[in-house]
Amino acid sequence: MRGFCGLGASTDTFAAIEGLVSTFGTVPGTVAAVSAMAKTKKRPKKRSASIAIVRSDDCTGCEVCIVFCPVDCIDLMKPSNNPVERYVLIDKETCIGCTLCARYCPWESIDMVERKAYEEDAELVFI
């Protein structure tokens, strides 16, 4: 066999691709393939030393922190029909402690705290 689609791929390459497709059920290099491979490898999740905590009484819901978050762990909360009552909520499990949200918050309503202290003492929660 000369190649796959005229690209000059060897039969070994084609066989390797077929093996991956049969193992993971998708074409290698696609998002689905990467996701399938990630699910098969169970590695312990590395947790950051610090996490972001929002003081909802100071937060205006301006969404600046949402724009800067690299892991998309910040959500806008609208607890009532009142458009003024808005604030953000940070997913503590997803937060990587990068400090970008706290650095760019124009109202300084986000604090960085040590994850260990947060998990041990519920009083650190300002939400």
C-alpha atoms as a PDB file:
ATOM      1  CA  MET A   1       0.000   0.000   0.000  1.00  0.00           C
ATOM      2  CA  ARG A   2       1.589   3.255  -1.131  1.00  0.00           C
ATOM      3  CA  GLY A   3      -0.131   5.600   1.235  1.00  0.00           C
ATOM      4  CA  PHE A   4      -3.270   6.842   2.903  1.00  0.00           C
ATOM      5  CA  CYS A   5      -5.129   9.432   0.793  1.00  0.00           C
ATOM      6  CA  GLY A   6      -2.017   9.990  -1.299  1.00  0.00           C
ATOM      7  CA  LEU A   7      -0.096  11.492   1.622  1.00  0.00           C
ATOM      8  CA  GLY A   8       2.581   8.819   1.636  1.00  0.00           C
ATOM      9  CA  ALA A   9       1.664   7.330   5.018  1.00  0.00           C
ATOM     10  CA  SER A  10       3.040   3.851   5.537  1.00  0.00           C
ATOM     11  CA  THR A  11       0.915   0.794   6.303  1.00  0.00           C
ATOM     12  CA  ASP A  12       2.374   0.831   9.822  1.00  0.00           C
ATOM     13  CA  THR A  13       1.024   4.347  10.377  1.00  0.00           C
ATOM     14  CA  PHE A  14      -2.363   3.334   9.037  1.00  0.00           C
ATOM     15  CA  ALA A  15      -2.399   0.273  11.308  1.00  0.00           C
ATOM     16  CA  ALA A  16      -1.465   2.419  14.306  1.00  0.00           C
ATOM     17  CA  ILE A  17      -4.320   4.808  13.553  1.00  0.00           C
ATOM     18  CA  GLU A  18      -6.754   1.905  13.190  1.00  0.00           C
ATOM     19  CA  GLY A  19      -5.563   0.549  16.552  1.00  0.00           C
ATOM     20  CA  LEU A  20      -6.150   3.881  18.273  1.00  0.00           C
ATOM     21  CA  VAL A  21      -9.581   4.264  16.708  1.00  0.00           C
ATOM     22  CA  SER A  22     -10.567   0.790  17.874  1.00  0.00           C
ATOM     23  CA  THR A  23      -9.203   1.475  21.376  1.00  0.00           C
ATOM     24  CA  PHE A  24     -10.623   4.946  21.922  1.00  0.00           C
ATOM     25  CA  GLY A  25     -13.450   5.007  19.377  1.00  0.00           C
ATOM     26  CA  THR A  26     -12.290   8.226  17.694  1.00  0.00           C
ATOM     27  CA  VAL A  27      -9.705   9.553  15.274  1.00  0.00           C
ATOM     28  CA  PRO A  28      -6.406  10.474  16.993  1.00  0.00           C
ATOM     29  CA  GLY A  29      -5.671  14.165  17.352  1.00  0.00           C
ATOM     30  CA  THR A  30      -9.289  15.198  17.735  1.00  0.00           C
ATOM     31  CA  VAL A  31     -10.780  16.657  20.891  1.00  0.00           C
ATOM     32  CA  ALA A  32     -12.793  13.473  21.402  1.00  0.00           C
ATOM     33  CA  ALA A  33      -9.629  11.373  21.187  1.00  0.00           C
ATOM     34  CA  VAL A  34      -7.767  13.508  23.707  1.00  0.00           C
ATOM     35  CA  SER A  35     -10.765  13.359  26.032  1.00  0.00           C
ATOM     36  CA  ALA A  36     -11.008   9.581  25.691  1.00  0.00           C
ATOM     37  CA  MET A  37      -7.296   9.142  26.433  1.00  0.00           C
ATOM     38  CA  ALA A  38      -7.527  11.423  29.452  1.00  0.00           C
ATOM     39  CA  LYS A  39     -10.364   9.335  30.859  1.00  0.00           C
ATOM     40  CA  THR A  40      -8.326   6.132  30.579  1.00  0.00           C
ATOM     41  CA  LYS A  41      -5.371   7.551  32.539  1.00  0.00           C
ATOM     42  CA  LYS A  42      -6.208   8.111  36.182  1.00  0.00           C
ATOM     43  CA  ARG A  43      -3.712  10.531  37.676  1.00  0.00           C
ATOM     44  CA  PRO A  44      -4.230  12.338  40.949  1.00  0.00           C
ATOM     45  CA  LYS A  45      -5.291  15.927  40.390  1.00  0.00           C
ATOM     46  CA  LYS A  46      -2.672  18.433  41.496  1.00  0.00           C
ATOM     47  CA  ARG A  47      -4.273  21.056  43.708  1.00  0.00           C
ATOM     48  CA  SER A  48      -3.113  24.630  44.054  1.00  0.00           C
ATOM     49  CA  ALA A  49      -1.818  25.979  47.349  1.00  0.00           C
ATOM     50  CA  SER A  50      -4.252  28.918  47.277  1.00  0.00           C
ATOM     51  CA  ILE A  51      -7.771  29.543  46.025  1.00  0.00           C
ATOM     52  CA  ALA A  52      -9.882  32.598  45.304  1.00  0.00           C
ATOM     53  CA  ILE A  53     -12.733  33.577  47.601  1.00  0.00           C
ATOM     54  CA  VAL A  54     -15.331  36.205  46.621  1.00  0.00           C
ATOM     55  CA  ARG A  55     -16.871  38.580  49.138  1.00  0.00           C
ATOM     56  CA  SER A  56     -20.367  38.732  47.646  1.00  0.00           C
ATOM     57  CA  ASP A  57     -21.253  41.866  49.618  1.00  0.00           C
ATOM     58  CA  ASP A  58     -18.496  43.789  47.774  1.00  0.00           C
ATOM     59  CA  CYS A  59     -18.905  42.112  44.374  1.00  0.00           C
ATOM     60  CA  THR A  60     -20.899  44.052  41.757  1.00  0.00           C
ATOM     61  CA  GLY A  61     -21.090  41.268  39.183  1.00  0.00           C
ATOM     62  CA  CYS A  62     -19.136  43.300  36.620  1.00  0.00           C
ATOM     63  CA  GLU A  63     -17.708  40.030  35.178  1.00  0.00           C
ATOM     64  CA  VAL A  64     -14.133  41.314  34.771  1.00  0.00           C
ATOM     65  CA  CYS A  65     -12.788  38.315  36.694  1.00  0.00           C
ATOM     66  CA  ILE A  66     -14.678  35.913  34.415  1.00  0.00           C
ATOM     67  CA  VAL A  67     -12.811  37.276  31.398  1.00  0.00           C
ATOM     68  CA  PHE A  68      -9.383  36.758  32.992  1.00  0.00           C
ATOM     69  CA  CYS A  69      -9.946  33.276  34.495  1.00  0.00           C
ATOM     70  CA  PRO A  70      -7.893  30.756  32.482  1.00  0.00           C
ATOM     71  CA  VAL A  71      -9.816  27.690  33.714  1.00  0.00           C
ATOM     72  CA  ASP A  72     -13.363  29.075  33.530  1.00  0.00           C
ATOM     73  CA  CYS A  73     -14.164  28.427  37.190  1.00  0.00           C
ATOM     74  CA  ILE A  74     -16.100  31.668  37.799  1.00  0.00           C
ATOM     75  CA  ASP A  75     -19.857  31.915  37.244  1.00  0.00           C
ATOM     76  CA  LEU A  76     -22.190  34.891  37.434  1.00  0.00           C
ATOM     77  CA  MET A  77     -24.955  34.428  39.989  1.00  0.00           C
ATOM     78  CA  LYS A  78     -28.307  36.213  39.803  1.00  0.00           C
ATOM     79  CA  PRO A  79     -30.161  35.100  42.923  1.00  0.00           C
ATOM     80  CA  SER A  80     -33.316  37.105  42.219  1.00  0.00           C
ATOM     81  CA  ASN A  81     -35.109  39.014  39.481  1.00  0.00           C
ATOM     82  CA  ASN A  82     -33.457  42.203  40.705  1.00  0.00           C
ATOM     83  CA  PRO A  83     -30.839  43.125  38.020  1.00  0.00           C
ATOM     84  CA  VAL A  84     -28.731  44.934  40.630  1.00  0.00           C
ATOM     85  CA  GLU A  85     -28.297  41.835  42.783  1.00  0.00           C
ATOM     86  CA  ARG A  86     -25.436  40.088  40.962  1.00  0.00           C
ATOM     87  CA  TYR A  87     -22.187  38.549  42.117  1.00  0.00           C
ATOM     88  CA  VAL A  88     -19.734  35.888  41.004  1.00  0.00           C
ATOM     89  CA  LEU A  89     -19.157  32.472  42.490  1.00  0.00           C
ATOM     90  CA  ILE A  90     -15.873  30.579  42.181  1.00  0.00           C
ATOM     91  CA  ASP A  91     -15.717  26.788  41.902  1.00  0.00           C
ATOM     92  CA  LYS A  92     -13.117  25.910  44.546  1.00  0.00           C
ATOM     93  CA  GLU A  93     -12.331  22.514  43.007  1.00  0.00           C
ATOM     94  CA  THR A  94     -11.526  23.988  39.594  1.00  0.00           C
ATOM     95  CA  CYS A  95      -9.650  27.090  40.806  1.00  0.00           C
ATOM     96  CA  ILE A  96      -5.895  26.847  40.157  1.00  0.00           C
ATOM     97  CA  GLY A  97      -4.916  29.791  42.365  1.00  0.00           C
ATOM     98  CA  CYS A  98      -3.469  31.879  39.529  1.00  0.00           C
ATOM     99  CA  THR A  99      -4.522  35.171  41.238  1.00  0.00           C
ATOM    100  CA  LEU A 100      -5.635  36.781  37.952  1.00  0.00           C
ATOM    101  CA  CYS A 101      -9.201  37.320  39.169  1.00  0.00           C
ATOM    102  CA  ALA A 102      -8.032  38.981  42.385  1.00  0.00           C
ATOM    103  CA  ARG A 103      -5.472  41.084  40.535  1.00  0.00           C
ATOM    104  CA  TYR A 104      -7.931  42.479  37.982  1.00  0.00           C
ATOM    105  CA  CYS A 105     -11.051  42.841  40.146  1.00  0.00           C
ATOM    106  CA  PRO A 106     -11.814  46.592  40.067  1.00  0.00           C
ATOM    107  CA  TRP A 107     -13.678  46.375  43.390  1.00  0.00           C
ATOM    108  CA  GLU A 108     -11.029  44.277  45.200  1.00  0.00           C
ATOM    109  CA  SER A 109     -13.735  41.849  46.280  1.00  0.00           C
ATOM    110  CA  ILE A 110     -11.695  38.689  45.630  1.00  0.00           C
ATOM    111  CA  ASP A 111      -9.208  37.398  48.177  1.00  0.00           C
ATOM    112  CA  MET A 112      -6.657  34.637  47.796  1.00  0.00           C
ATOM    113  CA  VAL A 113      -6.533  32.251  50.761  1.00  0.00           C
ATOM    114  CA  GLU A 114      -4.564  29.109  51.494  1.00  0.00           C
ATOM    115  CA  ARG A 115      -6.505  26.064  50.323  1.00  0.00           C
ATOM    116  CA  LYS A 116      -5.570  24.041  53.413  1.00  0.00           C
ATOM    117  CA  ALA A 117      -6.795  26.768  55.769  1.00  0.00           C
ATOM    118  CA  TYR A 118      -9.996  27.168  53.726  1.00  0.00           C
ATOM    119  CA  GLU A 119     -10.740  23.449  53.857  1.00  0.00           C
ATOM    120  CA  GLU A 120     -10.088  23.302  57.606  1.00  0.00           C
ATOM    121  CA  ASP A 121     -11.931  26.479  58.623  1.00  0.00           C
ATOM    122  CA  ALA A 122     -15.342  27.278  57.135  1.00  0.00           C
ATOM    123  CA  GLU A 123     -15.175  30.820  58.532  1.00  0.00           C
ATOM    124  CA  LEU A 124     -12.903  31.816  55.648  1.00  0.00           C
ATOM    125  CA  VAL A 125     -15.857  31.580  53.273  1.00  0.00           C
ATOM    126  CA  PHE A 126     -17.085  35.096  52.548  1.00  0.00           C
ATOM    127  CA  ILE A 127     -19.792  34.040  50.108  1.00  0.00           C
END
